[in-house]
C-alpha atoms as a PDB file:
ATOM      1  CA  UNK A   1     146.069 125.090 100.880  1.00  0.00           C
ATOM      2  CA  UNK A   2     143.179 123.352  99.230  1.00  0.00           C
ATOM      3  CA  UNK A   3     142.802 119.618  98.808  1.00  0.00           C
ATOM      4  CA  UNK A   4     142.523 118.172  95.321  1.00  0.00           C
ATOM      5  CA  UNK A   5     140.450 115.236  96.613  1.00  0.00           C
ATOM      6  CA  UNK A   6     138.258 114.400  99.599  1.00  0.00           C
ATOM      7  CA  UNK A   7     140.475 111.707 101.122  1.00  0.00           C
ATOM      8  CA  UNK A   8     143.982 113.112 100.681  1.00  0.00           C
ATOM      9  CA  UNK A   9     146.293 114.276 103.484  1.00  0.00           C
ATOM     10  CA  UNK A  10     145.380 117.950 103.050  1.00  0.00           C
ATOM     11  CA  UNK A  11     141.647 117.178 103.210  1.00  0.00           C
ATOM     12  CA  UNK A  12     142.201 115.126 106.373  1.00  0.00           C
ATOM     13  CA  UNK A  13     144.230 117.934 107.934  1.00  0.00           C
ATOM     14  CA  UNK A  14     141.518 120.507 107.165  1.00  0.00           C
ATOM     15  CA  UNK A  15     138.763 118.221 108.477  1.00  0.00           C
ATOM     16  CA  UNK A  16     140.648 117.656 111.728  1.00  0.00           C
ATOM     17  CA  UNK A  17     142.223 121.078 112.337  1.00  0.00           C
ATOM     18  CA  UNK A  18     140.246 123.528 110.225  1.00  0.00           C
ATOM     19  CA  UNK A  19     141.825 126.435 108.407  1.00  0.00           C
ATOM     20  CA  UNK A  20     145.283 127.556 109.431  1.00  0.00           C
ATOM     21  CA  UNK A  21     148.964 126.923 108.831  1.00  0.00           C
ATOM     22  CA  UNK A  22     149.783 123.424 107.588  1.00  0.00           C
ATOM     23  CA  UNK A  23     153.568 123.782 107.766  1.00  0.00           C
ATOM     24  CA  UNK A  24     156.468 126.194 107.511  1.00  0.00           C
ATOM     25  CA  UNK A  25     159.513 125.420 105.356  1.00  0.00           C
ATOM     26  CA  UNK A  26     163.063 126.606 105.937  1.00  0.00           C
ATOM     27  CA  UNK A  27     165.812 126.304 103.348  1.00  0.00           C
ATOM     28  CA  UNK A  28     169.105 125.145 104.864  1.00  0.00           C
ATOM     29  CA  UNK A  29     172.641 124.779 103.518  1.00  0.00           C
ATOM     30  CA  UNK A  30     173.328 121.323 105.042  1.00  0.00           C
ATOM     31  CA  UNK A  31     170.153 119.369 105.795  1.00  0.00           C
ATOM     32  CA  UNK A  32     171.900 116.406 107.430  1.00  0.00           C
ATOM     33  CA  UNK A  33     173.806 118.698 109.777  1.00  0.00           C
ATOM     34  CA  UNK A  34     170.577 120.497 110.723  1.00  0.00           C
ATOM     35  CA  UNK A  35     168.820 117.166 111.304  1.00  0.00           C
ATOM     36  CA  UNK A  36     171.596 116.105 113.666  1.00  0.00           C
ATOM     37  CA  UNK A  37     171.581 119.451 115.488  1.00  0.00           C
ATOM     38  CA  UNK A  38     167.810 119.419 115.972  1.00  0.00           C
ATOM     39  CA  UNK A  39     167.851 115.818 117.252  1.00  0.00           C
ATOM     40  CA  UNK A  40     170.557 116.776 119.756  1.00  0.00           C
ATOM     41  CA  UNK A  41     168.331 119.663 120.902  1.00  0.00           C
ATOM     42  CA  UNK A  42     165.485 117.208 121.554  1.00  0.00           C
ATOM     43  CA  UNK A  43     163.315 117.782 118.488  1.00  0.00           C
ATOM     44  CA  UNK A  44     161.519 114.813 116.902  1.00  0.00           C
ATOM     45  CA  UNK A  45     162.844 114.703 113.335  1.00  0.00           C
ATOM     46  CA  UNK A  46     160.742 112.426 111.111  1.00  0.00           C
ATOM     47  CA  UNK A  47     163.144 110.040 109.422  1.00  0.00           C
ATOM     48  CA  UNK A  48     166.822 109.279 109.494  1.00  0.00           C
ATOM     49  CA  UNK A  49     167.547 110.530 105.973  1.00  0.00           C
ATOM     50  CA  UNK A  50     166.096 113.365 103.892  1.00  0.00           C
ATOM     51  CA  UNK A  51     163.779 112.417 101.023  1.00  0.00           C
ATOM     52  CA  UNK A  52     163.513 113.850  97.518  1.00  0.00           C
ATOM     53  CA  UNK A  53     160.793 116.485  97.554  1.00  0.00           C
ATOM     54  CA  UNK A  54     159.350 119.043  95.170  1.00  0.00           C
ATOM     55  CA  UNK A  55     161.407 121.544  93.182  1.00  0.00           C
ATOM     56  CA  UNK A  56     164.628 119.487  93.208  1.00  0.00           C
ATOM     57  CA  UNK A  57     165.005 119.631  97.000  1.00  0.00           C
ATOM     58  CA  UNK A  58     165.933 117.263  99.800  1.00  0.00           C
ATOM     59  CA  UNK A  59     163.276 117.504 102.504  1.00  0.00           C
ATOM     60  CA  UNK A  60     162.701 116.326 106.057  1.00  0.00           C
ATOM     61  CA  UNK A  61     160.007 117.229 108.566  1.00  0.00           C
ATOM     62  CA  UNK A  62     160.079 117.989 112.287  1.00  0.00           C
ATOM     63  CA  UNK A  63     157.086 116.594 114.184  1.00  0.00           C
ATOM     64  CA  UNK A  64     154.612 119.262 115.374  1.00  0.00           C
ATOM     65  CA  UNK A  65     154.547 117.777 118.873  1.00  0.00           C
ATOM     66  CA  UNK A  66     158.082 119.092 119.353  1.00  0.00           C
ATOM     67  CA  UNK A  67     157.451 122.500 117.731  1.00  0.00           C
ATOM     68  CA  UNK A  68     154.376 123.827 119.537  1.00  0.00           C
ATOM     69  CA  UNK A  69     151.970 122.301 117.001  1.00  0.00           C
ATOM     70  CA  UNK A  70     153.524 123.537 113.742  1.00  0.00           C
ATOM     71  CA  UNK A  71     154.910 121.052 111.231  1.00  0.00           C
ATOM     72  CA  UNK A  72     158.373 122.250 110.173  1.00  0.00           C
ATOM     73  CA  UNK A  73     159.993 121.315 106.864  1.00  0.00           C
ATOM     74  CA  UNK A  74     163.707 121.622 106.218  1.00  0.00           C
ATOM     75  CA  UNK A  75     164.735 121.718 102.567  1.00  0.00           C
ATOM     76  CA  UNK A  76     168.018 121.837 100.685  1.00  0.00           C
ATOM     77  CA  UNK A  77     168.569 122.159  96.962  1.00  0.00           C
ATOM     78  CA  UNK A  78     169.880 118.958  95.379  1.00  0.00           C
ATOM     79  CA  UNK A  79     173.108 119.776  93.562  1.00  0.00           C
END
């Protein structure tokens, strides 16, 4: 990834962490069910409801502190 400006979230990530993986996305069939399952397993899911994301998808993120340092994105197509 490359930042479009010097003070955006991607620029801040690169300044702090350097080059590497920003996040990994997984498409799921039922995002709310997966959120519930992950919370029950002890993962720190960011938010109580999915948000509208890019490409007509619901998205939610799992905090990197609960996934060995990798930000995880769950996404589901909005029907």
